[in-house]
Amino acid sequence: MWKRRKAAGAARTIRLELCDLCAATFPGSEAVTGYVPDSSAVHPADDWFDGLRRLTACCDAHFDALSRTYRDRPFVQEELWAAKITRALTSGPPVLTTEQLGCRTGLHEPEIRRAVAWHNERLRRNRTGRPPSR
């Protein structure tokens, strides 16, 4: 009888991760991951994760250093709202009214106005060479 050989070269692929601090690559099974509060982070599809940034590190020390960076950064609600508005305006059908924008973002008109004002002030400060306010 003939025996079938297993396919040669059918190697398993190992998913690699990238450390957010040192840029080292390592197997995904060794990753240290977690979420930290960050008002500039919005998830592309799931608004449950808005305001949370996923960190990936190669070791506990690097994860702690990364999380300290975000812990020291202020959480600005208007920044998060502006990011939600940007996501709504750059995906899906066009938004024509404030009411439609509110439906797509879950924000109320005063929140939308505050987010737009924050965004415009940040743009203005960037043009004049002053650091943006957070």
N, C-alpha and C. Protein backbone atom coordinates (compact mmCIF):
# COMPACT_ATOMS: atom_id res chain seq x y z
N MET A 1 0.82 -1.18 0.00
CA MET A 1 0.00 0.00 0.00
C MET A 1 0.86 1.24 0.00
N TRP A 2 0.29 2.23 -0.63
CA TRP A 2 0.95 3.53 -0.66
C TRP A 2 0.54 4.34 0.57
N LYS A 3 1.50 5.07 1.11
CA LYS A 3 1.20 5.96 2.23
C LYS A 3 1.25 7.39 1.73
N ARG A 4 0.33 8.16 2.19
CA ARG A 4 0.35 9.58 1.83
C ARG A 4 1.25 10.33 2.77
N ARG A 5 2.02 11.20 2.17
CA ARG A 5 2.87 12.05 2.98
C ARG A 5 2.12 13.33 3.30
N LYS A 6 2.43 13.84 4.46
CA LYS A 6 1.85 15.12 4.81
C LYS A 6 2.53 16.18 3.96
N ALA A 7 1.77 17.20 3.65
CA ALA A 7 2.30 18.26 2.80
C ALA A 7 3.52 18.90 3.44
N ALA A 8 4.60 18.86 2.71
CA ALA A 8 5.82 19.49 3.21
C ALA A 8 5.69 21.00 3.06
N GLY A 9 6.18 21.70 4.02
CA GLY A 9 6.14 23.16 3.94
C GLY A 9 4.85 23.77 4.45
N ALA A 10 3.96 22.96 5.00
CA ALA A 10 2.72 23.50 5.55
C ALA A 10 3.00 23.95 6.98
N ALA A 11 3.76 24.99 7.09
CA ALA A 11 4.15 25.50 8.40
C ALA A 11 3.06 26.37 8.99
N ARG A 12 2.96 26.34 10.29
CA ARG A 12 2.00 27.20 10.97
C ARG A 12 2.52 28.64 10.95
N THR A 13 1.61 29.56 10.76
CA THR A 13 2.01 30.96 10.81
C THR A 13 1.82 31.47 12.23
N ILE A 14 2.77 32.23 12.68
CA ILE A 14 2.72 32.80 14.02
C ILE A 14 2.37 34.28 13.89
N ARG A 15 1.30 34.69 14.57
CA ARG A 15 0.89 36.09 14.54
C ARG A 15 1.87 36.91 15.38
N LEU A 16 2.42 37.94 14.76
CA LEU A 16 3.37 38.79 15.48
C LEU A 16 2.68 40.06 15.97
N GLU A 17 3.16 40.57 17.07
CA GLU A 17 2.71 41.84 17.63
C GLU A 17 3.89 42.81 17.61
N LEU A 18 3.57 44.08 17.77
CA LEU A 18 4.56 45.14 17.75
C LEU A 18 4.43 45.92 19.04
N CYS A 19 5.53 46.08 19.76
CA CYS A 19 5.51 46.84 21.01
C CYS A 19 5.31 48.32 20.69
N ASP A 20 4.33 48.94 21.35
CA ASP A 20 4.04 50.35 21.12
C ASP A 20 5.14 51.26 21.65
N LEU A 21 6.04 50.75 22.50
CA LEU A 21 7.10 51.57 23.06
C LEU A 21 8.41 51.42 22.29
N CYS A 22 8.88 50.19 22.13
CA CYS A 22 10.21 49.98 21.53
C CYS A 22 10.15 49.45 20.10
N ALA A 23 8.98 49.14 19.60
CA ALA A 23 8.76 48.65 18.24
C ALA A 23 9.35 47.26 17.99
N ALA A 24 9.63 46.52 19.05
CA ALA A 24 10.10 45.14 18.90
C ALA A 24 8.93 44.27 18.45
N THR A 25 9.22 43.27 17.62
CA THR A 25 8.19 42.31 17.22
C THR A 25 8.38 41.04 18.04
N PHE A 26 7.26 40.41 18.36
CA PHE A 26 7.28 39.22 19.20
C PHE A 26 6.00 38.45 18.96
N PRO A 27 5.94 37.17 19.34
CA PRO A 27 4.73 36.39 19.14
C PRO A 27 3.55 36.98 19.92
N GLY A 28 2.39 36.96 19.32
CA GLY A 28 1.21 37.52 19.94
C GLY A 28 0.87 36.89 21.28
N SER A 29 1.25 35.64 21.48
CA SER A 29 0.95 34.97 22.74
C SER A 29 1.74 35.55 23.91
N GLU A 30 2.80 36.31 23.63
CA GLU A 30 3.62 36.90 24.68
C GLU A 30 3.27 38.36 24.96
N ALA A 31 2.27 38.89 24.26
CA ALA A 31 1.94 40.31 24.37
C ALA A 31 1.32 40.65 25.72
N VAL A 32 1.68 41.83 26.21
CA VAL A 32 1.04 42.42 27.38
C VAL A 32 0.14 43.52 26.83
N THR A 33 -1.18 43.37 26.98
CA THR A 33 -2.12 44.31 26.39
C THR A 33 -3.10 44.83 27.44
N GLY A 34 -3.67 45.97 27.13
CA GLY A 34 -4.68 46.54 28.00
C GLY A 34 -5.19 47.83 27.40
N TYR A 35 -6.21 48.39 28.02
CA TYR A 35 -6.81 49.64 27.56
C TYR A 35 -6.55 50.74 28.58
N VAL A 36 -6.30 51.95 28.08
CA VAL A 36 -6.12 53.11 28.94
C VAL A 36 -7.05 54.22 28.44
N PRO A 37 -7.51 55.12 29.32
CA PRO A 37 -8.35 56.22 28.88
C PRO A 37 -7.56 57.17 27.97
N ASP A 38 -8.16 57.55 26.84
CA ASP A 38 -7.53 58.49 25.90
C ASP A 38 -8.64 59.17 25.11
N SER A 39 -8.79 60.47 25.30
CA SER A 39 -9.88 61.19 24.66
C SER A 39 -9.68 61.36 23.16
N SER A 40 -8.51 61.05 22.64
CA SER A 40 -8.29 61.17 21.20
C SER A 40 -8.57 59.88 20.45
N ALA A 41 -8.92 58.81 21.19
CA ALA A 41 -9.10 57.50 20.57
C ALA A 41 -10.57 57.17 20.36
N VAL A 42 -10.93 56.87 19.11
CA VAL A 42 -12.26 56.33 18.81
C VAL A 42 -12.06 55.06 18.00
N HIS A 43 -12.90 54.10 18.26
CA HIS A 43 -12.84 52.83 17.53
C HIS A 43 -13.49 53.03 16.17
N PRO A 44 -12.94 52.45 15.10
CA PRO A 44 -13.51 52.67 13.78
C PRO A 44 -14.94 52.15 13.62
N ALA A 45 -15.30 51.12 14.37
CA ALA A 45 -16.63 50.53 14.15
C ALA A 45 -17.45 50.35 15.41
N ASP A 46 -16.83 50.30 16.57
CA ASP A 46 -17.55 49.97 17.80
C ASP A 46 -17.41 51.11 18.80
N ASP A 47 -18.46 51.92 18.96
CA ASP A 47 -18.36 53.08 19.83
C ASP A 47 -18.27 52.71 21.31
N TRP A 48 -18.42 51.44 21.64
CA TRP A 48 -18.22 50.98 23.01
C TRP A 48 -16.79 51.25 23.47
N PHE A 49 -15.84 51.25 22.54
CA PHE A 49 -14.43 51.44 22.87
C PHE A 49 -13.97 52.89 22.68
N ASP A 50 -14.88 53.81 22.37
CA ASP A 50 -14.49 55.21 22.23
C ASP A 50 -13.95 55.74 23.56
N GLY A 51 -12.85 56.45 23.49
CA GLY A 51 -12.22 56.98 24.70
C GLY A 51 -11.25 56.02 25.35
N LEU A 52 -11.05 54.86 24.73
CA LEU A 52 -10.10 53.87 25.24
C LEU A 52 -9.07 53.55 24.15
N ARG A 53 -7.82 53.55 24.53
CA ARG A 53 -6.75 53.19 23.58
C ARG A 53 -6.17 51.84 24.00
N ARG A 54 -6.08 50.93 23.04
CA ARG A 54 -5.49 49.61 23.30
C ARG A 54 -3.98 49.74 23.19
N LEU A 55 -3.28 49.30 24.23
CA LEU A 55 -1.82 49.32 24.23
C LEU A 55 -1.31 47.89 24.13
N THR A 56 -0.22 47.73 23.40
CA THR A 56 0.44 46.43 23.27
C THR A 56 1.91 46.63 23.59
N ALA A 57 2.43 45.79 24.47
CA ALA A 57 3.82 45.91 24.87
C ALA A 57 4.47 44.53 24.91
N CYS A 58 5.79 44.55 24.86
CA CYS A 58 6.54 43.29 24.86
C CYS A 58 6.81 42.79 26.28
N CYS A 59 6.63 43.66 27.29
CA CYS A 59 6.86 43.25 28.68
C CYS A 59 6.07 44.16 29.61
N ASP A 60 5.98 43.78 30.86
CA ASP A 60 5.24 44.57 31.85
C ASP A 60 5.84 45.96 32.03
N ALA A 61 7.17 46.06 32.01
CA ALA A 61 7.82 47.36 32.21
C ALA A 61 7.44 48.33 31.10
N HIS A 62 7.42 47.86 29.86
CA HIS A 62 7.05 48.73 28.74
C HIS A 62 5.57 49.10 28.81
N PHE A 63 4.71 48.16 29.22
CA PHE A 63 3.29 48.48 29.35
C PHE A 63 3.09 49.54 30.43
N ASP A 64 3.81 49.41 31.55
CA ASP A 64 3.69 50.40 32.63
C ASP A 64 4.15 51.78 32.17
N ALA A 65 5.25 51.83 31.39
CA ALA A 65 5.74 53.12 30.88
C ALA A 65 4.71 53.74 29.94
N LEU A 66 4.13 52.95 29.08
CA LEU A 66 3.11 53.46 28.16
C LEU A 66 1.87 53.95 28.91
N SER A 67 1.41 53.17 29.87
CA SER A 67 0.20 53.57 30.59
C SER A 67 0.43 54.82 31.43
N ARG A 68 1.65 55.02 31.95
CA ARG A 68 1.97 56.27 32.68
C ARG A 68 1.85 57.47 31.76
N THR A 69 2.28 57.32 30.50
CA THR A 69 2.19 58.41 29.52
C THR A 69 0.73 58.84 29.35
N TYR A 70 -0.16 57.89 29.22
CA TYR A 70 -1.57 58.21 29.03
C TYR A 70 -2.24 58.65 30.33
N ARG A 71 -1.76 58.16 31.47
CA ARG A 71 -2.33 58.57 32.75
C ARG A 71 -2.04 60.06 33.01
N ASP A 72 -0.88 60.54 32.56
CA ASP A 72 -0.50 61.94 32.75
C ASP A 72 -1.19 62.87 31.76
N ARG A 73 -1.77 62.33 30.70
CA ARG A 73 -2.42 63.15 29.67
C ARG A 73 -3.86 63.43 30.10
N PRO A 74 -4.27 64.69 30.04
CA PRO A 74 -5.66 64.99 30.46
C PRO A 74 -6.68 64.40 29.48
N PHE A 75 -7.81 64.01 30.03
CA PHE A 75 -8.91 63.50 29.22
C PHE A 75 -9.84 64.67 28.94
N VAL A 76 -9.91 65.07 27.67
CA VAL A 76 -10.70 66.24 27.26
C VAL A 76 -11.95 65.74 26.55
N GLN A 77 -13.09 65.94 27.18
CA GLN A 77 -14.35 65.43 26.64
C GLN A 77 -14.62 65.97 25.24
N GLU A 78 -14.34 67.26 25.00
CA GLU A 78 -14.57 67.86 23.68
C GLU A 78 -13.71 67.20 22.61
N GLU A 79 -12.52 66.75 22.97
CA GLU A 79 -11.66 66.05 22.02
C GLU A 79 -12.30 64.73 21.59
N LEU A 80 -12.85 64.00 22.56
CA LEU A 80 -13.53 62.74 22.25
C LEU A 80 -14.74 63.00 21.36
N TRP A 81 -15.52 64.02 21.69
CA TRP A 81 -16.70 64.35 20.87
C TRP A 81 -16.28 64.72 19.45
N ALA A 82 -15.20 65.51 19.32
CA ALA A 82 -14.72 65.90 17.99
C ALA A 82 -14.29 64.67 17.19
N ALA A 83 -13.66 63.71 17.85
CA ALA A 83 -13.25 62.48 17.16
C ALA A 83 -14.47 61.67 16.71
N LYS A 84 -15.51 61.63 17.53
CA LYS A 84 -16.75 60.93 17.15
C LYS A 84 -17.39 61.61 15.93
N ILE A 85 -17.37 62.95 15.92
CA ILE A 85 -17.93 63.69 14.80
C ILE A 85 -17.13 63.41 13.54
N THR A 86 -15.81 63.41 13.65
CA THR A 86 -14.97 63.11 12.50
C THR A 86 -15.27 61.73 11.94
N ARG A 87 -15.42 60.75 12.82
CA ARG A 87 -15.75 59.39 12.37
C ARG A 87 -17.08 59.39 11.61
N ALA A 88 -18.08 60.10 12.15
CA ALA A 88 -19.40 60.13 11.50
C ALA A 88 -19.34 60.82 10.15
N LEU A 89 -18.53 61.87 10.04
CA LEU A 89 -18.46 62.63 8.78
C LEU A 89 -17.63 61.94 7.72
N THR A 90 -16.75 61.04 8.12
CA THR A 90 -15.86 60.39 7.14
C THR A 90 -16.28 58.96 6.82
N SER A 91 -17.39 58.50 7.40
CA SER A 91 -17.86 57.14 7.09
C SER A 91 -19.37 57.18 6.90
N GLY A 92 -19.85 56.31 6.08
CA GLY A 92 -21.29 56.21 5.86
C GLY A 92 -21.83 57.33 4.99
N PRO A 93 -23.14 57.45 4.96
CA PRO A 93 -23.76 58.48 4.11
C PRO A 93 -23.49 59.88 4.65
N PRO A 94 -23.58 60.89 3.78
CA PRO A 94 -23.33 62.26 4.23
C PRO A 94 -24.31 62.70 5.30
N VAL A 95 -23.83 63.53 6.21
CA VAL A 95 -24.66 64.09 7.27
C VAL A 95 -24.96 65.53 6.88
N LEU A 96 -26.24 65.89 6.83
CA LEU A 96 -26.63 67.21 6.36
C LEU A 96 -27.08 68.14 7.48
N THR A 97 -27.56 67.61 8.59
CA THR A 97 -28.08 68.47 9.66
C THR A 97 -27.44 68.09 11.00
N THR A 98 -27.59 69.00 11.96
CA THR A 98 -27.11 68.73 13.31
C THR A 98 -27.87 67.56 13.92
N GLU A 99 -29.15 67.46 13.61
CA GLU A 99 -29.95 66.35 14.15
C GLU A 99 -29.43 65.01 13.62
N GLN A 100 -29.12 64.96 12.33
CA GLN A 100 -28.56 63.73 11.75
C GLN A 100 -27.21 63.40 12.39
N LEU A 101 -26.39 64.42 12.60
CA LEU A 101 -25.09 64.21 13.22
C LEU A 101 -25.27 63.70 14.65
N GLY A 102 -26.24 64.25 15.35
CA GLY A 102 -26.54 63.77 16.70
C GLY A 102 -26.97 62.32 16.72
N CYS A 103 -27.79 61.94 15.76
CA CYS A 103 -28.22 60.53 15.67
C CYS A 103 -27.05 59.61 15.39
N ARG A 104 -26.14 60.03 14.54
CA ARG A 104 -24.99 59.19 14.17
C ARG A 104 -23.93 59.11 15.27
N THR A 105 -23.83 60.17 16.11
CA THR A 105 -22.78 60.20 17.12
C THR A 105 -23.26 59.92 18.53
N GLY A 106 -24.57 60.09 18.74
CA GLY A 106 -25.09 59.96 20.10
C GLY A 106 -24.90 61.23 20.92
N LEU A 107 -24.50 62.32 20.27
CA LEU A 107 -24.26 63.59 20.96
C LEU A 107 -25.47 64.50 20.82
N HIS A 108 -25.62 65.41 21.77
CA HIS A 108 -26.66 66.42 21.71
C HIS A 108 -26.07 67.69 21.09
N GLU A 109 -26.93 68.60 20.65
CA GLU A 109 -26.47 69.81 19.97
C GLU A 109 -25.45 70.62 20.77
N PRO A 110 -25.63 70.85 22.08
CA PRO A 110 -24.61 71.59 22.83
C PRO A 110 -23.24 70.90 22.83
N GLU A 111 -23.25 69.57 22.88
CA GLU A 111 -21.98 68.82 22.84
C GLU A 111 -21.33 68.96 21.47
N ILE A 112 -22.12 68.92 20.42
CA ILE A 112 -21.60 69.07 19.06
C ILE A 112 -20.98 70.46 18.91
N ARG A 113 -21.67 71.47 19.40
CA ARG A 113 -21.14 72.85 19.31
C ARG A 113 -19.85 73.01 20.10
N ARG A 114 -19.78 72.44 21.29
CA ARG A 114 -18.55 72.51 22.08
C ARG A 114 -17.40 71.77 21.39
N ALA A 115 -17.70 70.64 20.77
CA ALA A 115 -16.66 69.88 20.07
C ALA A 115 -16.14 70.66 18.87
N VAL A 116 -17.03 71.29 18.12
CA VAL A 116 -16.62 72.08 16.96
C VAL A 116 -15.80 73.28 17.41
N ALA A 117 -16.21 73.95 18.50
CA ALA A 117 -15.45 75.09 19.02
C ALA A 117 -14.06 74.65 19.47
N TRP A 118 -13.97 73.51 20.16
CA TRP A 118 -12.67 72.98 20.60
C TRP A 118 -11.78 72.70 19.39
N HIS A 119 -12.35 72.06 18.38
CA HIS A 119 -11.60 71.71 17.17
C HIS A 119 -11.10 72.98 16.45
N ASN A 120 -11.97 73.97 16.31
CA ASN A 120 -11.59 75.21 15.63
C ASN A 120 -10.50 75.96 16.39
N GLU A 121 -10.61 75.99 17.72
CA GLU A 121 -9.58 76.64 18.54
C GLU A 121 -8.24 75.92 18.39
N ARG A 122 -8.28 74.62 18.36
CA ARG A 122 -7.05 73.84 18.17
C ARG A 122 -6.42 74.14 16.82
N LEU A 123 -7.22 74.20 15.76
CA LEU A 123 -6.70 74.55 14.43
C LEU A 123 -6.10 75.95 14.42
N ARG A 124 -6.80 76.90 15.05
CA ARG A 124 -6.32 78.28 15.09
C ARG A 124 -4.98 78.36 15.81
N ARG A 125 -4.86 77.70 16.93
CA ARG A 125 -3.60 77.72 17.68
C ARG A 125 -2.47 77.04 16.91
N ASN A 126 -2.77 75.99 16.19
CA ASN A 126 -1.74 75.31 15.39
C ASN A 126 -1.24 76.21 14.27
N ARG A 127 -2.11 77.02 13.71
CA ARG A 127 -1.70 77.93 12.62
C ARG A 127 -0.83 79.07 13.12
N THR A 128 -1.05 79.51 14.36
CA THR A 128 -0.27 80.62 14.89
C THR A 128 1.02 80.17 15.56
N GLY A 129 1.24 78.88 15.62
CA GLY A 129 2.48 78.36 16.18
C GLY A 129 2.44 78.13 17.68
N ARG A 130 1.32 78.40 18.32
CA ARG A 130 1.19 78.13 19.74
C ARG A 130 0.76 76.69 19.92
N PRO A 131 1.15 76.09 21.04
CA PRO A 131 0.73 74.70 21.27
C PRO A 131 -0.77 74.61 21.43
N PRO A 132 -1.37 73.51 20.94
CA PRO A 132 -2.82 73.35 21.06
C PRO A 132 -3.22 73.15 22.51
N SER A 133 -4.38 73.66 22.87
CA SER A 133 -4.89 73.45 24.21
C SER A 133 -5.51 72.07 24.29
N ARG A 134 -5.43 71.46 25.44
CA ARG A 134 -6.02 70.13 25.63
C ARG A 134 -7.12 70.22 26.62
